N, C-alpha and C. Protein backbone atom coordinates (compact mmCIF):
# COMPACT_ATOMS: atom_id res chain seq x y z
N MET A 1 23.08 -146.87 173.08
CA MET A 1 21.83 -147.06 172.41
C MET A 1 22.04 -146.82 170.88
N LYS A 2 21.39 -147.68 170.17
CA LYS A 2 21.58 -147.72 168.70
C LYS A 2 20.69 -146.52 168.08
N PHE A 3 21.16 -145.99 167.03
CA PHE A 3 20.48 -144.89 166.28
C PHE A 3 19.10 -145.38 165.96
N SER A 4 18.90 -146.57 165.63
CA SER A 4 17.48 -147.00 165.12
C SER A 4 16.56 -147.08 166.35
N LYS A 5 17.01 -147.06 167.55
CA LYS A 5 16.22 -147.13 168.72
C LYS A 5 15.81 -145.86 169.31
N TRP A 6 16.43 -144.72 168.73
CA TRP A 6 16.17 -143.40 169.20
C TRP A 6 14.75 -142.99 168.74
N PRO A 7 14.14 -142.04 169.55
CA PRO A 7 12.78 -141.58 169.07
C PRO A 7 12.93 -140.77 167.72
N TYR A 8 11.83 -140.76 167.01
CA TYR A 8 12.02 -140.13 165.65
C TYR A 8 12.34 -138.61 165.69
N TRP A 9 11.86 -138.00 166.69
CA TRP A 9 12.16 -136.48 166.81
C TRP A 9 13.64 -136.28 166.99
N LEU A 10 14.28 -137.24 167.87
CA LEU A 10 15.71 -137.03 168.05
C LEU A 10 16.57 -137.41 166.77
N ARG A 11 16.13 -138.48 166.07
CA ARG A 11 16.82 -138.87 164.88
C ARG A 11 16.69 -137.71 163.80
N GLY A 12 15.50 -137.17 163.68
CA GLY A 12 15.30 -136.08 162.79
C GLY A 12 16.14 -134.90 163.14
N GLY A 13 16.28 -134.58 164.41
CA GLY A 13 17.06 -133.50 164.82
C GLY A 13 18.57 -133.66 164.57
N VAL A 14 19.06 -134.90 164.75
CA VAL A 14 20.54 -135.17 164.54
C VAL A 14 20.68 -135.13 163.06
N ILE A 15 19.86 -135.69 162.25
CA ILE A 15 20.02 -135.64 160.71
C ILE A 15 19.89 -134.22 160.28
N GLY A 16 19.00 -133.46 160.80
CA GLY A 16 18.80 -132.07 160.37
C GLY A 16 20.05 -131.33 160.80
N THR A 17 20.66 -131.47 161.94
CA THR A 17 21.81 -130.77 162.35
C THR A 17 23.00 -131.15 161.36
N ILE A 18 23.21 -132.42 161.04
CA ILE A 18 24.24 -132.79 160.14
C ILE A 18 24.08 -132.14 158.83
N ILE A 19 22.87 -132.14 158.24
CA ILE A 19 22.61 -131.48 157.04
C ILE A 19 22.84 -129.87 157.15
N GLY A 20 22.45 -129.32 158.36
CA GLY A 20 22.75 -127.94 158.52
C GLY A 20 24.20 -127.58 158.55
N VAL A 21 25.01 -128.48 159.21
CA VAL A 21 26.47 -128.24 159.26
C VAL A 21 26.97 -128.28 157.84
N ILE A 22 26.57 -129.32 157.01
CA ILE A 22 27.03 -129.38 155.65
C ILE A 22 26.61 -128.15 154.83
N LEU A 23 25.39 -127.63 154.97
CA LEU A 23 24.97 -126.49 154.29
C LEU A 23 25.59 -125.16 154.82
N ASP A 24 26.09 -125.19 156.07
CA ASP A 24 26.65 -123.96 156.69
C ASP A 24 28.16 -123.82 156.26
N ILE A 25 28.85 -124.85 155.89
CA ILE A 25 30.29 -124.67 155.67
C ILE A 25 30.60 -123.84 154.49
N PRO A 26 29.93 -123.87 153.30
CA PRO A 26 30.29 -122.94 152.23
C PRO A 26 30.20 -121.51 152.57
N PRO A 27 28.99 -121.11 153.24
CA PRO A 27 28.87 -119.61 153.53
C PRO A 27 29.96 -119.24 154.54
N LEU A 28 30.26 -120.09 155.55
CA LEU A 28 31.23 -119.71 156.60
C LEU A 28 32.63 -119.56 155.92
N LEU A 29 32.97 -120.43 155.00
CA LEU A 29 34.30 -120.37 154.35
C LEU A 29 34.25 -119.10 153.51
N CYS A 30 33.21 -118.74 152.79
CA CYS A 30 33.12 -117.50 151.99
C CYS A 30 33.26 -116.34 152.91
N TYR A 31 32.60 -116.32 154.02
CA TYR A 31 32.74 -115.25 155.00
C TYR A 31 34.16 -115.04 155.48
N LEU A 32 34.84 -116.14 155.72
CA LEU A 32 36.17 -116.00 156.27
C LEU A 32 37.17 -115.57 155.26
N PHE A 33 36.99 -115.98 153.98
CA PHE A 33 37.98 -115.78 152.95
C PHE A 33 37.63 -114.46 152.14
N VAL A 34 36.32 -114.27 151.92
CA VAL A 34 35.96 -113.01 151.16
C VAL A 34 35.75 -111.87 152.05
N GLY A 35 35.33 -112.12 153.27
CA GLY A 35 35.18 -111.00 154.30
C GLY A 35 33.76 -110.37 154.44
N GLY A 36 32.81 -111.06 153.84
CA GLY A 36 31.49 -110.60 154.04
C GLY A 36 30.49 -111.69 153.54
N PHE A 37 29.18 -111.41 153.73
CA PHE A 37 28.21 -112.33 153.33
C PHE A 37 27.76 -111.99 151.89
N LEU A 38 28.73 -112.23 150.90
CA LEU A 38 28.43 -112.06 149.54
C LEU A 38 28.16 -113.35 148.77
N CYS A 39 28.07 -114.45 149.43
CA CYS A 39 27.91 -115.77 148.78
C CYS A 39 26.37 -116.08 148.86
N ILE A 40 26.12 -117.05 147.94
CA ILE A 40 24.78 -117.68 147.92
C ILE A 40 24.66 -118.56 149.18
N ASN A 41 23.61 -118.37 149.91
CA ASN A 41 23.36 -119.14 151.10
C ASN A 41 22.04 -119.81 151.00
N ILE A 42 22.12 -121.23 151.15
CA ILE A 42 20.93 -122.04 151.12
C ILE A 42 20.72 -122.75 152.45
N SER A 43 21.33 -122.29 153.45
CA SER A 43 21.13 -122.91 154.81
C SER A 43 20.26 -122.14 155.72
N PRO A 44 19.85 -122.62 156.81
CA PRO A 44 19.01 -121.98 157.79
C PRO A 44 19.76 -120.67 158.31
N MET A 45 20.99 -120.45 157.99
CA MET A 45 21.72 -119.29 158.27
C MET A 45 21.09 -118.00 157.86
N ILE A 46 20.16 -118.09 156.80
CA ILE A 46 19.46 -116.98 156.28
C ILE A 46 18.58 -116.41 157.37
N PHE A 47 17.96 -117.20 158.16
CA PHE A 47 17.01 -116.75 159.14
C PHE A 47 17.66 -116.32 160.49
N SER A 48 18.97 -116.47 160.57
CA SER A 48 19.60 -116.03 161.86
C SER A 48 19.50 -114.65 162.17
N GLY A 49 19.47 -113.73 161.15
CA GLY A 49 19.32 -112.32 161.47
C GLY A 49 17.97 -111.98 162.16
N ILE A 50 16.93 -112.71 161.86
CA ILE A 50 15.67 -112.47 162.50
C ILE A 50 15.80 -112.87 164.00
N PHE A 51 16.42 -113.88 164.33
CA PHE A 51 16.61 -114.23 165.70
C PHE A 51 17.51 -113.35 166.52
N LEU A 52 18.50 -112.89 165.71
CA LEU A 52 19.47 -111.94 166.36
C LEU A 52 18.76 -110.60 166.78
N SER A 53 17.78 -110.21 166.01
CA SER A 53 17.08 -108.99 166.37
C SER A 53 16.05 -109.27 167.49
N VAL A 54 15.57 -110.50 167.67
CA VAL A 54 14.63 -110.84 168.63
C VAL A 54 15.40 -111.16 170.01
N LEU A 55 16.47 -111.78 169.87
CA LEU A 55 17.29 -112.19 171.04
C LEU A 55 18.53 -111.35 171.18
N PRO A 56 18.45 -110.20 171.76
CA PRO A 56 19.58 -109.33 171.90
C PRO A 56 20.74 -109.81 172.74
N ILE A 57 20.47 -110.89 173.52
CA ILE A 57 21.61 -111.42 174.41
C ILE A 57 22.65 -111.99 173.52
N LEU A 58 22.28 -112.46 172.33
CA LEU A 58 23.32 -113.08 171.42
C LEU A 58 24.12 -112.07 170.74
N ASN A 59 23.80 -110.76 170.91
CA ASN A 59 24.60 -109.72 170.28
C ASN A 59 25.96 -109.48 170.98
N ASN A 60 26.06 -110.12 172.22
CA ASN A 60 27.27 -109.88 172.99
C ASN A 60 28.37 -110.73 172.48
N TYR A 61 28.08 -111.78 171.69
CA TYR A 61 29.09 -112.70 171.13
C TYR A 61 29.48 -112.30 169.70
N PRO A 62 30.55 -112.79 169.25
CA PRO A 62 30.91 -112.45 167.82
C PRO A 62 29.84 -112.88 166.86
N PRO A 63 29.64 -112.07 165.82
CA PRO A 63 28.50 -112.39 164.91
C PRO A 63 28.57 -113.75 164.28
N LEU A 64 29.73 -114.17 163.92
CA LEU A 64 29.87 -115.48 163.20
C LEU A 64 29.49 -116.61 164.12
N PHE A 65 29.82 -116.50 165.46
CA PHE A 65 29.49 -117.56 166.43
C PHE A 65 27.94 -117.50 166.64
N SER A 66 27.36 -116.38 166.75
CA SER A 66 25.92 -116.25 166.99
C SER A 66 25.14 -116.79 165.87
N ILE A 67 25.50 -116.40 164.63
CA ILE A 67 24.77 -116.78 163.48
C ILE A 67 24.86 -118.29 163.22
N THR A 68 26.05 -118.96 163.48
CA THR A 68 26.20 -120.34 163.32
C THR A 68 25.46 -121.03 164.35
N LEU A 69 25.53 -120.67 165.59
CA LEU A 69 24.70 -121.30 166.67
C LEU A 69 23.27 -121.36 166.38
N ILE A 70 22.71 -120.19 165.94
CA ILE A 70 21.22 -120.14 165.67
C ILE A 70 20.90 -120.98 164.48
N SER A 71 21.80 -121.05 163.49
CA SER A 71 21.59 -121.90 162.30
C SER A 71 21.59 -123.34 162.68
N LEU A 72 22.47 -123.80 163.58
CA LEU A 72 22.49 -125.17 164.00
C LEU A 72 21.24 -125.50 164.80
N LEU A 73 20.76 -124.62 165.67
CA LEU A 73 19.61 -124.82 166.48
C LEU A 73 18.41 -124.92 165.53
N LEU A 74 18.25 -124.08 164.57
CA LEU A 74 17.14 -124.10 163.59
C LEU A 74 17.20 -125.41 162.79
N SER A 75 18.32 -125.87 162.44
CA SER A 75 18.44 -127.11 161.72
C SER A 75 17.97 -128.24 162.61
N PHE A 76 18.32 -128.29 163.80
CA PHE A 76 17.85 -129.29 164.81
C PHE A 76 16.32 -129.15 164.98
N LEU A 77 15.80 -128.02 165.10
CA LEU A 77 14.40 -127.86 165.26
C LEU A 77 13.54 -128.24 164.03
N ILE A 78 14.04 -127.98 162.88
CA ILE A 78 13.39 -128.29 161.61
C ILE A 78 13.40 -129.83 161.45
N GLY A 79 14.59 -130.57 161.70
CA GLY A 79 14.72 -131.89 161.63
C GLY A 79 13.84 -132.70 162.71
N SER A 80 13.65 -132.10 163.90
CA SER A 80 12.91 -132.62 164.93
C SER A 80 11.37 -132.57 164.55
N ILE A 81 10.97 -131.52 163.96
CA ILE A 81 9.61 -131.39 163.55
C ILE A 81 9.22 -132.38 162.43
N ILE A 82 10.14 -132.56 161.49
CA ILE A 82 9.93 -133.48 160.45
C ILE A 82 9.91 -134.93 161.02
N GLY A 83 10.75 -135.20 162.03
CA GLY A 83 10.74 -136.48 162.71
C GLY A 83 9.43 -136.79 163.48
N ILE A 84 8.87 -135.74 164.06
CA ILE A 84 7.59 -135.86 164.72
C ILE A 84 6.52 -136.26 163.75
N PHE A 85 6.49 -135.63 162.56
CA PHE A 85 5.51 -135.75 161.49
C PHE A 85 5.64 -137.26 160.99
N ILE A 86 6.88 -137.74 160.78
CA ILE A 86 7.12 -139.09 160.31
C ILE A 86 6.63 -140.08 161.29
N ASP A 87 6.95 -139.79 162.67
CA ASP A 87 6.40 -140.67 163.68
C ASP A 87 4.88 -140.77 163.70
N ARG A 88 4.20 -139.65 163.53
CA ARG A 88 2.73 -139.68 163.53
C ARG A 88 2.20 -140.39 162.31
N ILE A 89 2.78 -140.17 161.20
CA ILE A 89 2.36 -140.99 159.92
C ILE A 89 2.44 -142.39 160.15
N LYS A 90 3.64 -142.83 160.69
CA LYS A 90 3.81 -144.29 160.89
C LYS A 90 2.85 -144.77 161.96
N LYS A 91 2.53 -144.08 163.00
CA LYS A 91 1.60 -144.48 164.02
C LYS A 91 0.23 -144.68 163.31
N ILE A 92 -0.19 -143.64 162.57
CA ILE A 92 -1.53 -143.80 161.81
C ILE A 92 -1.60 -144.89 160.86
N LYS A 93 -0.41 -145.26 160.18
CA LYS A 93 -0.44 -146.24 159.17
C LYS A 93 -0.46 -147.67 159.78
N PHE A 94 0.21 -147.76 160.99
CA PHE A 94 0.15 -149.06 161.62
C PHE A 94 -1.13 -149.31 162.44
N ALA A 95 -1.83 -148.22 162.75
CA ALA A 95 -3.12 -148.37 163.51
C ALA A 95 -4.15 -148.91 162.60
N GLN A 96 -4.13 -148.67 161.32
CA GLN A 96 -5.19 -149.18 160.41
C GLN A 96 -5.12 -150.66 160.14
């Protein structure tokens, strides 16, 4: 199935995840080479600490894995929500 045939929420989620991966690479490299979160972070990784405190089951995994997983899920969720809004706007625009 071609990318242009996917629903808008799925396209937005995939694009959001790709952008999230690109934004997550610099903080991850900084964490690995510097040894701590001393770098400027502009990715959804910032909000991962909130979810780690709410979801204690993820505390059983290494912190780098948990934070990255939550960051990618947040990127997908944000992209999906944007895709839903774009779909609604296009439906309203074509209905007129």
